[in-house]
Protein backbone atom coordinates (compact mmCIF):
# COMPACT_ATOMS: atom_id res chain seq x y z
CA MET A 1 -1.04 17.99 17.47
CA LEU A 2 -0.23 19.96 14.32
CA THR A 3 2.92 17.88 13.82
CA THR A 4 0.85 14.70 14.04
CA ILE A 5 -1.65 15.94 11.45
CA VAL A 6 1.15 17.00 9.10
CA LEU A 7 2.86 13.61 9.55
CA ILE A 8 -0.40 11.80 8.83
CA LEU A 9 -0.97 13.81 5.64
CA ALA A 10 2.66 13.33 4.60
CA GLY A 11 2.17 9.60 5.22
CA VAL A 12 -0.78 9.61 2.83
CA VAL A 13 1.35 11.27 0.15
CA LEU A 14 4.20 8.85 0.79
CA SER A 15 1.80 5.91 0.54
CA ILE A 16 0.45 7.13 -2.78
CA VAL A 17 3.95 7.73 -4.16
CA ILE A 18 5.12 4.26 -3.11
CA GLY A 19 1.98 2.64 -4.55
CA THR A 20 2.37 4.52 -7.82
CA LEU A 21 6.01 3.48 -8.15
CA TRP A 22 5.26 -0.09 -7.03
CA TYR A 23 2.50 -0.67 -9.57
CA MET A 24 3.91 1.29 -12.55
CA PRO A 25 3.49 -0.85 -15.68
CA ASN A 26 7.24 -0.98 -16.40
CA THR A 27 8.28 -2.33 -12.96
CA PRO A 28 8.31 -6.07 -12.20
CA THR A 29 5.51 -5.67 -9.67
CA GLY A 30 3.59 -3.45 -12.09
CA LYS A 31 3.91 -6.05 -14.85
CA LEU A 32 2.58 -8.65 -12.43
CA HIS A 33 -0.33 -6.37 -11.57
CA MET A 34 -1.10 -5.84 -15.26
CA LYS A 35 -1.15 -9.65 -15.74
CA TYR A 36 -3.47 -9.95 -12.76
CA LEU A 37 -5.80 -7.42 -14.39
CA GLY A 38 -5.63 -9.32 -17.69
CA PHE A 39 -3.93 -6.51 -19.60
CA ASP A 40 -1.29 -8.88 -20.96
CA LYS A 41 -3.99 -10.65 -22.99
CA LEU A 42 -5.33 -7.45 -24.56
CA SER A 43 -4.15 -5.80 -27.74
CA PRO A 44 -2.78 -2.24 -27.43
CA GLU A 45 -6.09 -0.93 -28.81
CA GLU A 46 -8.10 -2.90 -26.24
CA GLN A 47 -5.79 -1.65 -23.48
CA LYS A 48 -6.40 1.95 -24.57
CA GLN A 49 -10.14 1.32 -24.65
CA LYS A 50 -10.10 -0.13 -21.10
CA ILE A 51 -8.11 2.89 -19.87
CA GLU A 52 -10.58 5.29 -21.50
CA GLU A 53 -13.52 3.40 -19.97
CA ALA A 54 -11.93 3.65 -16.52
CA LYS A 55 -11.11 7.38 -16.69
CA PRO A 56 -14.53 8.65 -15.49
CA THR A 57 -14.31 6.56 -12.31
CA MET A 58 -10.64 7.31 -11.53
CA PRO A 59 -11.31 10.32 -9.26
CA LYS A 60 -13.55 8.16 -7.05
CA ILE A 61 -11.03 5.32 -7.07
CA TYR A 62 -8.17 7.65 -6.12
CA ALA A 63 -10.31 9.27 -3.41
CA GLY A 64 -11.03 5.82 -1.99
CA GLN A 65 -7.35 4.93 -2.12
CA MET A 66 -6.47 8.18 -0.35
CA LEU A 67 -8.95 7.33 2.41
CA LEU A 68 -7.44 3.85 2.80
CA SER A 69 -3.94 5.38 2.82
CA LEU A 70 -5.13 7.81 5.48
CA LEU A 71 -6.17 4.92 7.72
CA THR A 72 -2.76 3.28 7.33
CA SER A 73 -0.96 6.56 7.96
CA VAL A 74 -3.01 7.36 11.09
CA ALA A 75 -2.20 3.95 12.58
CA VAL A 76 1.51 4.09 11.79
CA VAL A 77 1.93 7.68 12.98
CA PHE A 78 0.01 6.94 16.18
CA ILE A 79 1.94 3.74 16.98
CA VAL A 80 5.39 5.20 16.27
CA SER A 81 4.91 8.65 17.78
CA THR A 82 3.19 7.34 20.92
CA SER A 83 5.89 4.71 21.34
CA LEU A 84 8.73 7.20 20.94
CA LYS A 85 7.12 9.73 23.28
CA ASN A 86 6.81 7.03 25.94
CA GLY A 87 10.44 5.96 25.82
CA VAL A 88 10.07 2.96 23.55
CA THR A 89 12.89 2.59 21.04
CA PHE A 90 12.21 3.07 17.35
CA MET A 91 13.10 -0.57 16.64
CA MET A 92 10.56 -1.74 19.21
CA ALA A 93 7.93 0.51 17.59
CA VAL A 94 8.84 -1.06 14.24
CA GLY A 95 8.36 -4.43 15.92
CA PHE A 96 4.82 -3.38 16.88
CA LEU A 97 4.19 -2.41 13.25
CA LEU A 98 5.62 -5.69 11.94
CA LEU A 99 3.40 -7.63 14.32
CA ASN A 100 0.35 -5.69 13.12
CA TRP A 101 1.37 -6.23 9.48
CA MET A 102 1.91 -9.95 10.03
CA CYS A 103 -1.32 -10.47 11.99
CA PHE A 104 -3.70 -8.26 9.98
CA VAL A 105 -2.32 -7.34 6.55
CA VAL A 106 -0.81 -10.69 5.55
CA PRO A 107 -3.97 -12.72 6.35
CA THR A 108 -6.23 -10.15 4.68
CA VAL A 109 -4.16 -10.09 1.48
CA GLY A 110 -3.94 -13.88 1.61
CA MET A 111 -7.70 -14.28 1.94
CA GLN A 112 -8.23 -11.86 -0.93
CA ILE A 113 -5.95 -13.99 -3.14
CA LEU A 114 -7.39 -17.32 -1.95
CA TRP A 115 -11.03 -16.39 -2.36
CA GLY A 116 -10.69 -13.85 -5.17
CA ASN A 117 -10.55 -14.38 -8.88
CA CYS A 118 -6.75 -14.63 -9.05
CA ASP A 119 -5.04 -16.79 -11.65
CA ARG A 120 -3.46 -19.62 -9.63
CA ASN A 121 -0.19 -19.18 -11.57
CA LEU A 122 0.02 -15.60 -10.26
CA ALA A 123 -1.37 -16.16 -6.75
CA TRP A 124 1.88 -16.41 -4.77
CA LYS A 125 3.57 -13.63 -6.72
CA LYS A 126 0.54 -11.38 -6.24
CA PHE A 127 0.40 -12.26 -2.54
CA PHE A 128 4.04 -11.33 -1.94
CA SER A 129 3.85 -8.23 -4.13
CA ASP A 130 0.79 -6.81 -2.39
CA SER A 131 1.95 -7.76 1.11
CA LEU A 132 5.41 -6.31 0.59
CA ASN A 133 3.99 -3.12 -0.92
CA ILE A 134 2.09 -2.50 2.30
CA LEU A 135 5.12 -3.42 4.41
CA VAL A 136 7.36 -0.99 2.51
CA THR A 137 4.72 1.72 2.90
CA ILE A 138 4.40 1.12 6.65
CA LEU A 139 8.17 1.16 7.15
CA ALA A 140 8.60 4.31 5.05
CA ILE A 141 5.96 6.17 7.07
CA ALA A 142 7.53 4.90 10.29
CA GLY A 143 10.95 6.15 9.19
CA MET A 144 9.50 9.55 8.35
CA VAL A 145 7.83 9.77 11.77
CA ASN A 146 11.09 8.83 13.47
CA LEU A 147 12.79 11.79 11.81
CA PHE A 148 10.29 14.33 13.14
CA VAL A 149 9.16 13.09 16.55
């Protein structure tokens, strides 16, 4: 039980690290995200002002993101560890995760892009970036679980 809790918490940290690296402003996916947010149309002064305006709410936003990352981590740790403990191969457990990603994450991200306020020129890029970010996170957590279970 303690191992499971530690793996879940480590999954949350891994998720946050991957998300931070994925959406850093100097990465291709980060640049896309900044365009999506409209930062590419702002002057450096306006960008600084937006960042300063957002600072008071950042702790709540990061807390919310940590909670969402916790949900992902719980699911991945549960699926992989339960599968491995019951004699299912790691690749089959990854197959379960891929099926969940394809059936739940991809449609949800797609609906968010379709019905959200996304620039149509960025829609497909944003869809693939966000979907793949979650896939990479899921696979990274799964790999970590495989090392310790």
